[in-house]
Structures are given as C-alpha cells and as structure tokens.
Amino acid sequence: MNANGTTGIAEPLTLPCGATVKNRFYKSAMNEALAGRDCAPTEEHVRLYRTWAEGGAGVLVTGNVMVDRT
C-alpha cells in the first residue's frame, strides 16, 4: 500500500502461488492473427510480444497462438 492506504497500479503484486509480478498492468489474451500459412507462430509474434514485454506490463497472457495445426 502507498502512503494514502491504497494500492497503486505500478506497485508489485504477490500472487497466491507466491510469484511476484512487478506491477498490476495485465495484457489480456487476444487473437493476434499473425500465424503463418502453416498456422505456426511467426517472427511477427516474437516482435509483438517483445514489444509488449519491453513496455513494462507485469503480466502478458498469450492469445490464440497455434503451435500445431491439429
């Protein structure tokens, strides 16, 4: 908690499992629609998630990223 008794969005958060995330910014799952013709993840996925990670979010939840067509 901060000085006024509230929890700030930029403060760390310890989850019930014991893991601590650096802040409360959370990128929810979404369908990025970036798969290749074989439905596999692409370099675009890598760049996009790297950008989000470098942006400082405490939690990034992957979207509908296929790893196998079946």
C-alpha atoms as a PDB file:
ATOM      1  CA  MET A   1       0.000   0.000   0.000  1.00  0.00           C
ATOM      2  CA  ASN A   2       1.084   3.538  -0.575  1.00  0.00           C
ATOM      3  CA  ALA A   3       1.002   6.436   1.890  1.00  0.00           C
ATOM      4  CA  ASN A   4      -2.733   7.089   1.485  1.00  0.00           C
ATOM      5  CA  GLY A   5      -3.671   3.455   2.165  1.00  0.00           C
ATOM      6  CA  THR A   6      -4.419   2.469  -1.429  1.00  0.00           C
ATOM      7  CA  THR A   7      -2.632   0.095  -3.725  1.00  0.00           C
ATOM      8  CA  GLY A   8      -1.046   1.711  -6.767  1.00  0.00           C
ATOM      9  CA  ILE A   9      -1.227   0.114 -10.193  1.00  0.00           C
ATOM     10  CA  ALA A  10       2.556   0.414 -10.573  1.00  0.00           C
ATOM     11  CA  GLU A  11       3.308  -1.416  -7.306  1.00  0.00           C
ATOM     12  CA  PRO A  12       4.392  -5.076  -7.214  1.00  0.00           C
ATOM     13  CA  LEU A  13       1.751  -7.726  -6.595  1.00  0.00           C
ATOM     14  CA  THR A  14       2.357 -11.099  -4.940  1.00  0.00           C
ATOM     15  CA  LEU A  15       0.036 -13.774  -6.320  1.00  0.00           C
ATOM     16  CA  PRO A  16      -1.478 -16.554  -4.164  1.00  0.00           C
ATOM     17  CA  CYS A  17       1.034 -19.021  -5.684  1.00  0.00           C
ATOM     18  CA  GLY A  18       3.889 -16.914  -4.285  1.00  0.00           C
ATOM     19  CA  ALA A  19       5.075 -15.414  -7.582  1.00  0.00           C
ATOM     20  CA  THR A  20       5.504 -11.644  -7.578  1.00  0.00           C
ATOM     21  CA  VAL A  21       4.809  -9.526 -10.648  1.00  0.00           C
ATOM     22  CA  LYS A  22       6.460  -6.117 -10.946  1.00  0.00           C
ATOM     23  CA  ASN A  23       3.194  -4.185 -11.364  1.00  0.00           C
ATOM     24  CA  ARG A  24      -0.535  -4.639 -11.967  1.00  0.00           C
ATOM     25  CA  PHE A  25      -0.503  -3.948 -15.711  1.00  0.00           C
ATOM     26  CA  TYR A  26      -2.035  -7.003 -17.376  1.00  0.00           C
ATOM     27  CA  LYS A  27      -2.223  -7.703 -21.109  1.00  0.00           C
ATOM     28  CA  SER A  28      -5.196  -9.993 -21.600  1.00  0.00           C
ATOM     29  CA  ALA A  29      -5.319 -12.874 -24.073  1.00  0.00           C
ATOM     30  CA  MET A  30      -6.288 -11.924 -27.607  1.00  0.00           C
ATOM     31  CA  ASN A  31      -6.123 -13.441 -31.056  1.00  0.00           C
ATOM     32  CA  GLU A  32      -3.250 -11.690 -32.799  1.00  0.00           C
ATOM     33  CA  ALA A  33      -3.984 -13.361 -36.175  1.00  0.00           C
ATOM     34  CA  LEU A  34      -0.282 -13.452 -37.073  1.00  0.00           C
ATOM     35  CA  ALA A  35       0.225 -17.169 -37.764  1.00  0.00           C
ATOM     36  CA  GLY A  36       1.929 -18.291 -40.939  1.00  0.00           C
ATOM     37  CA  ARG A  37       0.323 -20.423 -43.623  1.00  0.00           C
ATOM     38  CA  ASP A  38       1.191 -23.497 -41.564  1.00  0.00           C
ATOM     39  CA  CYS A  39      -0.609 -21.996 -38.533  1.00  0.00           C
ATOM     40  CA  ALA A  40       2.686 -21.788 -36.626  1.00  0.00           C
ATOM     41  CA  PRO A  41       3.890 -18.730 -34.688  1.00  0.00           C
ATOM     42  CA  THR A  42       5.916 -16.278 -36.747  1.00  0.00           C
ATOM     43  CA  GLU A  43       8.666 -13.749 -36.172  1.00  0.00           C
ATOM     44  CA  GLU A  44       5.852 -11.182 -36.008  1.00  0.00           C
ATOM     45  CA  HIS A  45       4.622 -12.900 -32.823  1.00  0.00           C
ATOM     46  CA  VAL A  46       8.113 -12.649 -31.354  1.00  0.00           C
ATOM     47  CA  ARG A  47       8.390  -8.943 -32.179  1.00  0.00           C
ATOM     48  CA  LEU A  48       4.901  -8.188 -30.851  1.00  0.00           C
ATOM     49  CA  TYR A  49       5.384  -9.970 -27.513  1.00  0.00           C
ATOM     50  CA  ARG A  50       8.882  -8.478 -27.159  1.00  0.00           C
ATOM     51  CA  THR A  51       7.383  -5.012 -27.662  1.00  0.00           C
ATOM     52  CA  TRP A  52       4.732  -5.672 -25.020  1.00  0.00           C
ATOM     53  CA  ALA A  53       7.331  -7.068 -22.599  1.00  0.00           C
ATOM     54  CA  GLU A  54       9.615  -4.085 -23.089  1.00  0.00           C
ATOM     55  CA  GLY A  55       6.594  -1.839 -22.489  1.00  0.00           C
ATOM     56  CA  GLY A  56       6.650  -2.882 -18.849  1.00  0.00           C
ATOM     57  CA  ALA A  57       3.490  -4.939 -18.291  1.00  0.00           C
ATOM     58  CA  GLY A  58       3.641  -7.125 -15.196  1.00  0.00           C
ATOM     59  CA  VAL A  59       1.711  -9.979 -16.861  1.00  0.00           C
ATOM     60  CA  LEU A  60       1.359 -10.901 -20.537  1.00  0.00           C
ATOM     61  CA  VAL A  61      -1.168 -13.608 -21.361  1.00  0.00           C
ATOM     62  CA  THR A  62      -0.660 -15.199 -24.750  1.00  0.00           C
ATOM     63  CA  GLY A  63      -3.531 -15.217 -27.150  1.00  0.00           C
ATOM     64  CA  ASN A  64      -4.597 -17.840 -29.633  1.00  0.00           C
ATOM     65  CA  VAL A  65      -1.055 -18.795 -30.715  1.00  0.00           C
ATOM     66  CA  MET A  66      -1.128 -22.115 -32.536  1.00  0.00           C
ATOM     67  CA  VAL A  67       1.770 -24.477 -32.074  1.00  0.00           C
ATOM     68  CA  ASP A  68       0.332 -27.337 -34.141  1.00  0.00           C
ATOM     69  CA  ARG A  69      -2.339 -27.303 -36.841  1.00  0.00           C
ATOM     70  CA  THR A  70      -4.096 -30.299 -35.195  1.00  0.00           C
END
